[in-house]
Amino acid sequence: MKLLHRYVLSKWLKSFVCTYFIVTSLLLLEDVYKNFYSFIKAKVGFIELVGYYFFLGISFVSFVIPLAIFISVLFTLGQLHGKNEIIGVRCAGMSILAISKTIIIGGIILALANLLFESFIIPSAIDSITTFRLRTDLRRGRETTTSCAGFYNNINNRIWFFKSLNKLSYVAKGVTINCYNDDNVEESRIFASTARFSKDKKYWTCKNCSVIAFDPSTGLPTSVKIFAEKDFEMFTETPKVMIASLKKVKYLSFPEVLDIIKYCHSESMGNAFLVKFHQMFANVADCIIILFLAIPFAVMGVRVNPFVNIARASGFLLIFFFLGIIFATFGNNGMLWPAFSVWITNVLILLPIIKLLRRSM
């Protein structure tokens, strides 16, 4: 690695690390302001509290990395440009992309790391955060159940209804399960006062339940069986998937999206989950696009105030996010194909970025 590349890389890494921790700290402080008092009232232990904020910091990674890349590139290259160091190197025959070679490679590595975090590490962190908050609510006497929930299992043609479902113990009350055959004709209906999902056995056990069988040809009941307790080994739907299907789509993790897409038919659930699925992979492209957006604005104009270029770059970034929200909304409503609604924003923003890069060469 050339001395110049090591110099640029070291300056950028310092800026990136500082920006990352500053932004993360601000986000953590917001949570401290909102929730710390309630944690103290619930008598949460110090180690539990440290673990919560550790996992909370991890959950911010996918949001902070693109922002930290954008700010650190603007700051690093803008500082080098302000000291006329970039002008001196360009006089030696190097282009701005050659000068930024190590930053570009580092940005691509961070983009791939962002996908890795979002797919595997952040979901575990979010599960830990959710469990911590539920336990805190339980200590304070708050409700930890989901009321009047429903779930459609498209794979096995089963529809579940609950009066309540506890998010910690996985105990459901007032359960009704409608089972259908391949022709969508009801075969049986199960009523149970309570049902519990076994984390070890991976199936549901119903108590005080009645099983009504139907004649598929006439739709009339043929038999009724009553059980004090009965295991339904064929019912393997996990409460995690059922609870995840009730969340807002933007709060879903990658594994949750995959599970919901697997269980639910796209026509019945809409396109929101498919849009979210494609957005997970589009985040890699977003990081790289943000990187190439920051580079030309950081080195444009010798006599221009650096804050003017920062304002311009921020304006482009806002337009990029605004277009992403608009097209994603169209995709959620079925007005656009989900994959197209996600990736079209990246394609549109590439055109002005390429023009800006040519101007700054």
Protein backbone atom coordinates (compact mmCIF):
# COMPACT_ATOMS: atom_id res chain seq x y z
CA MET A 1 0.00 0.00 0.00
CA LYS A 2 1.34 3.42 -0.97
CA LEU A 3 2.18 5.93 1.72
CA LEU A 4 -0.59 8.20 0.41
CA HIS A 5 -3.21 5.46 0.65
CA ARG A 6 -2.15 4.60 4.21
CA TYR A 7 -2.34 8.28 5.13
CA VAL A 8 -5.84 8.75 3.65
CA LEU A 9 -7.08 5.47 5.16
CA SER A 10 -5.81 6.31 8.66
CA LYS A 11 -7.46 9.74 8.58
CA TRP A 12 -10.74 8.30 7.32
CA LEU A 13 -10.82 5.46 9.85
CA LYS A 14 -10.28 7.91 12.71
CA SER A 15 -13.14 10.05 11.42
CA PHE A 16 -15.39 7.04 10.87
CA VAL A 17 -14.82 5.59 14.35
CA CYS A 18 -15.37 8.96 16.04
CA THR A 19 -18.53 9.63 14.01
CA TYR A 20 -19.87 6.13 14.65
CA PHE A 21 -19.49 6.40 18.41
CA ILE A 22 -20.85 9.96 18.56
CA VAL A 23 -24.02 9.04 16.62
CA THR A 24 -24.49 5.81 18.59
CA SER A 25 -23.99 7.66 21.88
CA LEU A 26 -26.66 10.21 20.93
CA LEU A 27 -29.11 7.42 20.11
CA LEU A 28 -28.34 5.67 23.39
CA LEU A 29 -28.79 8.93 25.30
CA GLU A 30 -32.24 9.30 23.76
CA ASP A 31 -33.19 5.86 25.09
CA VAL A 32 -31.70 6.70 28.51
CA TYR A 33 -33.85 9.85 28.61
CA LYS A 34 -37.01 7.91 27.70
CA ASN A 35 -36.60 4.63 29.61
CA PHE A 36 -33.89 4.83 32.29
CA TYR A 37 -36.25 6.01 35.04
CA SER A 38 -38.69 3.15 34.36
CA PHE A 39 -35.78 0.67 34.54
CA ILE A 40 -34.77 2.05 37.93
CA LYS A 41 -38.38 1.77 39.17
CA ALA A 42 -38.41 -1.86 38.03
CA LYS A 43 -35.21 -2.42 40.10
CA VAL A 44 -33.18 -3.64 37.12
CA GLY A 45 -29.69 -4.84 38.07
CA PHE A 46 -26.53 -3.09 36.86
CA ILE A 47 -25.33 -6.07 34.78
CA GLU A 48 -28.77 -6.41 33.13
CA LEU A 49 -28.75 -2.69 32.34
CA VAL A 50 -25.26 -2.84 30.81
CA GLY A 51 -26.31 -5.85 28.71
CA TYR A 52 -29.44 -4.03 27.53
CA TYR A 53 -27.53 -0.96 26.34
CA PHE A 54 -24.85 -3.14 24.76
CA PHE A 55 -27.45 -4.96 22.66
CA LEU A 56 -29.24 -1.68 21.96
CA GLY A 57 -26.00 -0.26 20.57
CA ILE A 58 -25.67 -3.31 18.30
CA SER A 59 -29.24 -2.82 17.05
CA PHE A 60 -28.29 0.66 15.77
CA VAL A 61 -25.47 -0.64 13.55
CA SER A 62 -27.44 -0.89 10.29
CA PHE A 63 -28.64 2.72 10.68
CA VAL A 64 -25.38 4.25 11.93
CA ILE A 65 -22.91 2.72 9.44
CA PRO A 66 -24.27 4.50 6.30
CA LEU A 67 -24.54 7.80 8.18
CA ALA A 68 -21.03 7.44 9.62
CA ILE A 69 -19.62 6.65 6.16
CA PHE A 70 -21.26 9.76 4.72
CA ILE A 71 -20.08 12.14 7.45
CA SER A 72 -16.56 10.70 7.75
CA VAL A 73 -15.91 10.84 3.98
CA LEU A 74 -17.11 14.45 3.80
CA PHE A 75 -14.96 15.40 6.80
CA THR A 76 -11.79 13.52 5.75
CA LEU A 77 -11.66 14.47 2.08
CA GLY A 78 -12.97 17.96 2.85
CA GLN A 79 -10.16 18.49 5.35
CA LEU A 80 -7.54 17.25 2.88
CA HIS A 81 -9.05 19.43 0.18
CA GLY A 82 -9.12 22.49 2.46
CA LYS A 83 -5.38 22.10 3.15
CA ASN A 84 -4.72 21.77 -0.62
CA GLU A 85 -3.26 18.29 -0.11
CA ILE A 86 -5.62 16.76 -2.67
CA ILE A 87 -4.75 19.47 -5.21
CA GLY A 88 -1.06 18.64 -4.79
CA VAL A 89 -1.65 14.93 -5.32
CA ARG A 90 -3.89 15.57 -8.34
CA CYS A 91 -1.13 17.69 -9.87
CA ALA A 92 1.00 14.55 -9.73
CA GLY A 93 -1.52 12.85 -12.04
CA MET A 94 -3.82 10.95 -9.63
CA SER A 95 -7.60 11.14 -9.96
CA ILE A 96 -9.92 11.65 -7.02
CA LEU A 97 -11.03 8.01 -7.24
CA ALA A 98 -7.40 6.84 -7.08
CA ILE A 99 -6.81 9.05 -4.03
CA SER A 100 -9.95 7.62 -2.40
CA LYS A 101 -9.12 4.01 -3.31
CA THR A 102 -8.68 2.80 0.28
CA ILE A 103 -11.80 4.66 1.42
CA ILE A 104 -13.84 3.01 -1.34
CA ILE A 105 -12.54 -0.47 -0.44
CA GLY A 106 -13.19 0.21 3.24
CA GLY A 107 -16.71 1.45 2.47
CA ILE A 108 -17.54 -1.69 0.48
CA ILE A 109 -16.26 -3.89 3.33
CA LEU A 110 -18.41 -1.94 5.79
CA ALA A 111 -21.44 -2.31 3.49
CA LEU A 112 -21.01 -6.10 3.42
CA ALA A 113 -20.46 -6.12 7.20
CA ASN A 114 -23.70 -4.14 7.52
CA LEU A 115 -25.58 -6.89 5.66
CA LEU A 116 -23.98 -9.52 7.89
CA PHE A 117 -25.00 -7.62 11.02
CA GLU A 118 -28.54 -7.04 9.79
CA SER A 119 -29.03 -10.66 8.78
CA PHE A 120 -27.56 -12.53 11.76
CA ILE A 121 -26.31 -10.39 14.65
CA ILE A 122 -28.89 -7.60 14.96
CA PRO A 123 -31.87 -10.04 15.13
CA SER A 124 -30.33 -11.73 18.19
CA ALA A 125 -29.71 -8.32 19.76
CA ILE A 126 -33.32 -7.28 19.11
CA ASP A 127 -34.57 -10.53 20.71
CA SER A 128 -32.49 -9.78 23.83
CA ILE A 129 -33.82 -6.21 23.95
CA THR A 130 -37.42 -7.39 23.56
CA THR A 131 -37.03 -10.01 26.30
CA PHE A 132 -35.46 -7.42 28.63
CA ARG A 133 -38.29 -4.94 28.08
CA LEU A 134 -40.96 -7.61 28.57
CA ARG A 135 -39.36 -8.71 31.85
CA THR A 136 -39.18 -5.08 32.95
CA ASP A 137 -42.88 -4.63 32.16
CA LEU A 138 -43.65 -7.82 34.08
CA ARG A 139 -41.81 -6.50 37.15
CA ARG A 140 -43.78 -3.26 36.97
CA GLY A 141 -47.08 -5.15 36.67
CA ARG A 142 -47.67 -4.15 33.06
CA GLU A 143 -49.37 -6.33 30.46
CA THR A 144 -47.05 -8.66 28.52
CA THR A 145 -49.71 -10.27 26.35
CA THR A 146 -50.99 -9.61 22.85
CA SER A 147 -54.77 -9.29 22.74
CA CYS A 148 -57.06 -10.59 19.98
CA ALA A 149 -54.32 -11.92 17.73
CA GLY A 150 -54.71 -13.90 14.52
CA PHE A 151 -52.31 -15.83 12.27
CA TYR A 152 -52.74 -17.50 8.89
CA ASN A 153 -50.48 -20.47 8.09
CA ASN A 154 -50.61 -20.69 4.32
CA ILE A 155 -48.38 -23.79 4.18
CA ASN A 156 -50.69 -26.03 6.22
CA ASN A 157 -53.95 -24.12 5.63
CA ARG A 158 -54.57 -23.24 9.27
CA ILE A 159 -56.02 -20.07 10.77
CA TRP A 160 -55.31 -19.25 14.42
CA PHE A 161 -57.24 -16.87 16.67
CA PHE A 162 -56.27 -15.93 20.24
CA LYS A 163 -57.99 -13.82 22.83
CA SER A 164 -54.52 -13.31 24.30
CA LEU A 165 -50.98 -14.57 23.72
CA ASN A 166 -48.24 -14.11 26.35
CA LYS A 167 -44.98 -13.02 24.71
CA LEU A 168 -42.79 -14.50 27.45
CA SER A 169 -44.42 -17.78 28.48
CA TYR A 170 -45.94 -18.54 25.04
CA VAL A 171 -49.29 -19.34 26.68
CA ALA A 172 -52.41 -18.49 24.67
CA LYS A 173 -55.96 -18.19 25.98
CA GLY A 174 -59.26 -18.45 24.14
CA VAL A 175 -57.78 -20.33 21.18
CA THR A 176 -59.62 -21.23 17.98
CA ILE A 177 -57.86 -23.14 15.17
CA ASN A 178 -59.54 -23.68 11.79
CA CYS A 179 -57.96 -26.42 9.64
CA TYR A 180 -58.62 -26.59 5.89
CA ASN A 181 -57.80 -29.11 3.16
CA ASP A 182 -56.08 -28.34 -0.16
CA ASP A 183 -59.40 -27.19 -1.62
CA ASN A 184 -59.80 -24.63 1.20
CA VAL A 185 -62.71 -26.59 2.68
CA GLU A 186 -62.77 -26.73 6.48
CA GLU A 187 -61.91 -30.20 7.83
CA SER A 188 -61.79 -29.51 11.56
CA ARG A 189 -62.10 -26.78 14.16
CA ILE A 190 -60.44 -26.77 17.57
CA PHE A 191 -61.52 -24.75 20.59
CA ALA A 192 -59.24 -24.57 23.65
CA SER A 193 -59.34 -22.55 26.85
CA THR A 194 -55.53 -22.45 26.93
CA ALA A 195 -52.69 -23.58 24.67
CA ARG A 196 -48.97 -23.64 25.36
CA PHE A 197 -46.09 -23.89 22.89
CA SER A 198 -43.29 -26.14 24.15
CA LYS A 199 -39.86 -24.66 23.40
CA ASP A 200 -38.29 -28.12 23.78
CA LYS A 201 -40.82 -30.26 21.87
CA LYS A 202 -41.59 -27.54 19.28
CA TYR A 203 -45.35 -28.10 19.15
CA TRP A 204 -48.56 -26.92 20.85
CA THR A 205 -50.44 -28.54 23.73
CA CYS A 206 -54.09 -27.56 24.28
CA LYS A 207 -56.05 -27.84 27.53
CA ASN A 208 -59.83 -28.12 27.93
CA CYS A 209 -60.21 -28.42 24.20
CA SER A 210 -62.85 -29.74 21.84
CA VAL A 211 -62.15 -30.97 18.32
CA ILE A 212 -64.99 -30.74 15.80
CA ALA A 213 -64.63 -32.70 12.55
CA PHE A 214 -66.52 -31.64 9.39
CA ASP A 215 -67.67 -33.49 6.30
CA PRO A 216 -65.85 -31.72 3.42
CA SER A 217 -68.68 -32.47 0.98
CA THR A 218 -71.51 -31.04 3.07
CA GLY A 219 -69.71 -28.78 5.54
CA LEU A 220 -71.68 -30.33 8.43
CA PRO A 221 -70.03 -31.52 11.67
CA THR A 222 -69.56 -35.28 11.88
CA SER A 223 -68.02 -35.70 15.33
CA VAL A 224 -67.05 -33.81 18.46
CA LYS A 225 -64.26 -34.97 20.79
CA ILE A 226 -63.43 -33.34 24.12
CA PHE A 227 -60.01 -33.56 25.77
CA ALA A 228 -58.73 -32.33 29.11
CA GLU A 229 -55.30 -32.04 27.51
CA LYS A 230 -54.07 -32.97 24.03
CA ASP A 231 -50.76 -32.64 22.20
CA PHE A 232 -50.95 -31.44 18.59
CA GLU A 233 -47.55 -32.46 17.21
CA MET A 234 -48.52 -31.28 13.73
CA PHE A 235 -48.98 -27.68 14.99
CA THR A 236 -45.40 -26.42 14.75
CA GLU A 237 -46.08 -22.72 14.16
CA THR A 238 -43.91 -20.81 16.63
CA PRO A 239 -45.28 -17.94 18.72
CA LYS A 240 -42.28 -15.86 17.59
CA VAL A 241 -43.58 -15.91 14.01
CA MET A 242 -47.13 -15.17 15.16
CA ILE A 243 -45.98 -12.21 17.26
CA ALA A 244 -43.67 -10.99 14.48
CA SER A 245 -46.58 -10.96 12.02
CA LEU A 246 -48.30 -8.41 14.28
CA LYS A 247 -45.33 -6.03 14.36
CA LYS A 248 -44.87 -3.04 12.12
CA VAL A 249 -42.91 -4.15 9.07
CA LYS A 250 -40.07 -1.66 9.64
CA TYR A 251 -39.28 -3.28 13.02
CA LEU A 252 -38.90 -6.81 11.62
CA SER A 253 -35.53 -8.53 11.47
CA PHE A 254 -34.32 -10.51 8.45
CA PRO A 255 -35.16 -13.99 9.90
CA GLU A 256 -38.63 -12.76 10.92
CA VAL A 257 -39.29 -11.51 7.39
CA LEU A 258 -38.20 -14.86 5.93
CA ASP A 259 -40.46 -16.78 8.33
CA ILE A 260 -43.49 -14.63 7.61
CA ILE A 261 -42.96 -14.86 3.84
CA LYS A 262 -42.66 -18.64 4.20
CA TYR A 263 -45.89 -19.02 6.19
CA CYS A 264 -48.03 -16.34 4.56
CA HIS A 265 -49.25 -16.02 1.00
CA SER A 266 -48.18 -12.76 -0.64
CA GLU A 267 -51.72 -11.95 -1.82
CA SER A 268 -53.14 -12.21 1.68
CA MET A 269 -50.34 -10.34 3.44
CA GLY A 270 -49.76 -7.67 0.77
CA ASN A 271 -46.34 -6.72 -0.55
CA ALA A 272 -44.97 -4.98 2.55
CA PHE A 273 -42.94 -7.99 3.72
CA LEU A 274 -41.48 -8.54 0.23
CA VAL A 275 -40.48 -4.87 0.07
CA LYS A 276 -38.77 -5.24 3.45
CA PHE A 277 -36.98 -8.37 2.20
CA HIS A 278 -35.47 -6.54 -0.78
CA GLN A 279 -34.59 -3.52 1.37
CA MET A 280 -32.30 -5.73 3.45
CA PHE A 281 -30.08 -6.34 0.40
CA ALA A 282 -30.53 -2.84 -0.99
CA ASN A 283 -28.89 -1.49 2.18
CA VAL A 284 -25.53 -2.75 0.86
CA ALA A 285 -26.00 -0.71 -2.30
CA ASP A 286 -27.19 2.26 -0.21
CA CYS A 287 -23.90 2.34 1.73
CA ILE A 288 -21.85 2.30 -1.49
CA ILE A 289 -24.05 4.94 -3.14
CA ILE A 290 -23.77 7.21 -0.08
CA LEU A 291 -19.99 6.76 -0.21
CA PHE A 292 -19.77 7.82 -3.87
CA LEU A 293 -22.21 10.67 -3.20
CA ALA A 294 -19.96 12.13 -0.49
CA ILE A 295 -16.67 11.94 -2.46
CA PRO A 296 -17.36 14.57 -5.20
CA PHE A 297 -19.03 17.03 -2.80
CA ALA A 298 -16.03 16.87 -0.45
CA VAL A 299 -13.59 18.04 -3.14
CA MET A 300 -15.74 20.41 -5.24
CA GLY A 301 -14.68 24.04 -5.50
CA VAL A 302 -11.56 25.58 -4.01
CA ARG A 303 -13.12 28.89 -3.05
CA VAL A 304 -16.45 27.45 -1.96
CA ASN A 305 -17.12 27.31 1.78
CA PRO A 306 -16.96 23.64 2.89
CA PHE A 307 -20.32 24.00 4.65
CA VAL A 308 -21.94 24.82 1.29
CA ASN A 309 -20.77 21.48 -0.14
CA ILE A 310 -21.89 19.67 3.02
CA ALA A 311 -25.33 21.28 2.69
CA ARG A 312 -25.54 20.22 -0.98
CA ALA A 313 -24.50 16.66 -0.17
CA SER A 314 -27.04 16.51 2.68
CA GLY A 315 -29.73 17.75 0.30
CA PHE A 316 -28.93 14.98 -2.18
CA LEU A 317 -29.00 12.45 0.66
CA LEU A 318 -32.43 13.67 1.79
CA ILE A 319 -33.74 13.40 -1.79
CA PHE A 320 -32.34 9.85 -1.94
CA PHE A 321 -34.14 8.82 1.26
CA PHE A 322 -37.32 10.68 0.27
CA LEU A 323 -37.50 8.85 -3.08
CA GLY A 324 -36.87 5.56 -1.28
CA ILE A 325 -39.82 6.18 1.05
CA ILE A 326 -42.14 7.16 -1.83
CA PHE A 327 -41.32 4.13 -4.01
CA ALA A 328 -41.44 1.77 -1.00
CA THR A 329 -44.94 3.08 -0.23
CA PHE A 330 -45.98 2.32 -3.81
CA GLY A 331 -44.53 -1.19 -3.40
CA ASN A 332 -46.35 -1.73 -0.09
CA ASN A 333 -49.65 -0.78 -1.71
CA GLY A 334 -49.12 -3.12 -4.67
CA MET A 335 -48.78 -0.25 -7.17
CA LEU A 336 -45.24 -1.36 -8.06
CA TRP A 337 -43.48 -4.72 -8.07
CA PRO A 338 -41.71 -4.98 -4.64
CA ALA A 339 -38.18 -5.51 -6.03
CA PHE A 340 -38.61 -2.68 -8.53
CA SER A 341 -39.94 -0.27 -5.88
CA VAL A 342 -36.78 -0.83 -3.79
CA TRP A 343 -34.05 -0.81 -6.44
CA ILE A 344 -35.40 1.96 -8.69
CA THR A 345 -34.24 4.62 -6.20
CA ASN A 346 -30.64 3.38 -6.41
CA VAL A 347 -30.75 3.41 -10.22
CA LEU A 348 -32.16 6.95 -10.37
CA ILE A 349 -29.61 8.39 -7.93
CA LEU A 350 -26.71 6.80 -9.82
CA LEU A 351 -27.16 9.14 -12.79
CA PRO A 352 -26.40 12.42 -10.96
CA ILE A 353 -23.64 10.69 -8.92
CA ILE A 354 -21.83 9.63 -12.10
CA LYS A 355 -22.13 13.18 -13.44
CA LEU A 356 -20.74 14.64 -10.21
CA LEU A 357 -17.84 12.18 -10.18
CA ARG A 358 -16.90 13.14 -13.77
CA ARG A 359 -16.94 16.84 -12.81
CA SER A 360 -14.66 16.20 -9.84
CA MET A 361 -12.11 14.04 -11.72
